[in-house]
Amino acid sequence: MNDMNELDVVGKRIVHAAYTVHSTLGPGLLEKVYELCLAHELKKSGLMVEQQILVPIRYDTLVVEEGLRIDLLVNKQVVVELKAVEQLLPVHQAQTLTYLKLTNLRLGYLINFNVPLIKDGIHRYVL
């Protein structure tokens, strides 16, 4: 299976897990609750999930270690940024794209759980 097909399979499992979590819990909870539950669902489906992964920022000769944290890194291939906000802002998309660029990964999801229908809260980005 080529890399993009493998990424698509992982992506579909992420979307399915987000649907499962949202249909069980609904909107209105804290982001951390969704993070823990989504990580649990993804692990149940056999995926490797790392939480709150530190991404250092390199500027010239400086390395800023406490720069950014990825909410979930799935199979060391897919960035998942979670929100529980009234409305996604352009900065949230920029944050997700920046994580992809800094990690040299190709696929990322920005998922906002504070929506009536989770399909409206899932955004997929490919570099």
Protein backbone atom coordinates (compact mmCIF):
# COMPACT_ATOMS: atom_id res chain seq x y z
CA MET A 1 0.00 0.00 0.00
CA ASN A 2 1.45 3.40 -0.87
CA ASP A 3 1.86 6.19 1.66
CA MET A 4 -1.19 8.20 0.60
CA ASN A 5 -3.47 5.13 0.69
CA GLU A 6 -2.18 4.33 4.18
CA LEU A 7 -2.78 7.94 5.24
CA ASP A 8 -6.32 7.79 3.84
CA VAL A 9 -7.05 4.66 5.89
CA VAL A 10 -5.73 6.31 9.06
CA GLY A 11 -7.69 9.48 8.21
CA LYS A 12 -10.94 7.56 7.82
CA ARG A 13 -10.39 5.92 11.20
CA ILE A 14 -9.78 9.34 12.78
CA VAL A 15 -13.02 10.69 11.28
CA HIS A 16 -14.94 7.59 12.42
CA ALA A 17 -13.54 7.92 15.95
CA ALA A 18 -14.49 11.63 16.03
CA TYR A 19 -18.06 10.71 15.00
CA THR A 20 -18.17 8.07 17.75
CA VAL A 21 -16.94 10.46 20.45
CA HIS A 22 -19.23 13.29 19.33
CA SER A 23 -22.32 11.09 19.04
CA THR A 24 -21.68 9.79 22.56
CA LEU A 25 -20.73 13.04 24.32
CA GLY A 26 -22.20 15.78 22.12
CA PRO A 27 -20.94 19.36 22.10
CA GLY A 28 -20.24 21.55 25.12
CA LEU A 29 -17.37 19.85 26.95
CA LEU A 30 -13.77 20.95 27.43
CA GLU A 31 -11.23 20.26 24.69
CA LYS A 32 -9.20 18.04 27.04
CA VAL A 33 -12.17 15.67 27.50
CA TYR A 34 -12.50 15.24 23.73
CA GLU A 35 -8.74 14.74 23.42
CA LEU A 36 -8.70 11.94 25.99
CA CYS A 37 -11.79 10.24 24.55
CA LEU A 38 -10.64 10.52 20.93
CA ALA A 39 -7.21 9.13 21.86
CA HIS A 40 -8.98 6.24 23.61
CA GLU A 41 -11.16 5.49 20.55
CA LEU A 42 -8.17 5.61 18.21
CA LYS A 43 -6.15 3.28 20.43
CA LYS A 44 -9.12 0.88 20.58
CA SER A 45 -9.07 0.78 16.78
CA GLY A 46 -5.42 -0.28 16.81
CA LEU A 47 -3.76 3.02 16.00
CA MET A 48 -0.75 4.38 17.85
CA VAL A 49 -1.61 7.71 19.47
CA GLU A 50 0.70 10.21 21.14
CA GLN A 51 -0.74 13.18 23.02
CA GLN A 52 0.57 16.70 23.56
CA ILE A 53 3.66 16.23 21.40
CA LEU A 54 6.16 19.06 21.75
CA VAL A 55 7.23 20.59 18.43
CA PRO A 56 10.36 22.71 18.74
CA ILE A 57 10.58 25.84 16.63
CA ARG A 58 13.88 26.52 14.88
CA TYR A 59 14.81 30.09 14.10
CA ASP A 60 18.31 30.76 12.78
CA THR A 61 20.57 29.07 15.40
CA LEU A 62 17.90 29.23 18.10
CA VAL A 63 15.71 26.28 19.04
CA VAL A 64 12.61 27.18 21.04
CA GLU A 65 11.67 23.95 22.83
CA GLU A 66 8.46 25.11 24.48
CA GLY A 67 7.03 26.38 21.21
CA LEU A 68 4.06 24.28 20.16
CA ARG A 69 2.18 21.15 21.21
CA ILE A 70 0.30 18.88 18.84
CA ASP A 71 -2.86 17.57 20.51
CA LEU A 72 -2.65 14.12 18.89
CA LEU A 73 -0.10 12.49 16.62
CA VAL A 74 -1.55 9.33 15.08
CA ASN A 75 0.76 6.57 13.83
CA LYS A 76 3.55 9.17 13.68
CA GLN A 77 1.90 10.25 10.40
CA VAL A 78 -1.17 12.38 11.04
CA VAL A 79 -1.53 15.59 13.06
CA VAL A 80 -4.86 16.05 14.84
CA GLU A 81 -5.60 19.44 16.36
CA LEU A 82 -8.69 19.58 18.55
CA LYS A 83 -10.93 22.49 19.49
CA ALA A 84 -14.11 22.96 21.47
CA VAL A 85 -14.94 26.49 20.41
CA GLU A 86 -18.01 28.38 19.24
CA GLN A 87 -16.41 29.08 15.88
CA LEU A 88 -13.15 28.09 14.22
CA LEU A 89 -10.96 31.05 13.33
CA PRO A 90 -8.35 31.40 10.57
CA VAL A 91 -5.66 31.13 13.24
CA HIS A 92 -6.81 27.57 14.02
CA GLN A 93 -6.30 26.53 10.39
CA ALA A 94 -2.94 28.33 10.35
CA GLN A 95 -1.92 26.49 13.51
CA THR A 96 -2.73 23.10 11.97
CA LEU A 97 -0.88 23.92 8.74
CA THR A 98 2.12 25.16 10.74
CA TYR A 99 2.24 21.88 12.66
CA LEU A 100 2.30 20.00 9.35
CA LYS A 101 5.10 22.17 7.99
CA LEU A 102 7.21 21.96 11.16
CA THR A 103 6.87 18.17 11.36
CA ASN A 104 7.20 17.52 7.59
CA LEU A 105 3.98 15.53 7.71
CA ARG A 106 1.41 15.57 4.91
CA LEU A 107 -1.98 15.00 6.55
CA GLY A 108 -3.68 16.89 9.34
CA TYR A 109 -7.13 17.25 10.83
CA LEU A 110 -8.62 20.19 12.67
CA ILE A 111 -11.63 18.95 14.61
CA ASN A 112 -14.01 21.24 16.46
CA PHE A 113 -16.28 19.24 18.78
CA ASN A 114 -18.46 22.22 19.76
CA VAL A 115 -20.82 21.82 16.79
CA PRO A 116 -24.30 20.30 16.50
CA LEU A 117 -23.15 18.04 13.62
CA ILE A 118 -19.58 16.75 13.78
CA LYS A 119 -19.32 16.68 9.98
CA ASP A 120 -19.33 20.48 10.16
CA GLY A 121 -16.45 20.42 12.64
CA ILE A 122 -14.01 18.17 10.76
CA HIS A 123 -11.47 19.83 8.45
CA ARG A 124 -8.83 17.88 6.54
CA TYR A 125 -5.56 19.39 5.31
CA VAL A 126 -3.05 17.81 2.94
CA LEU A 127 0.34 19.27 2.09
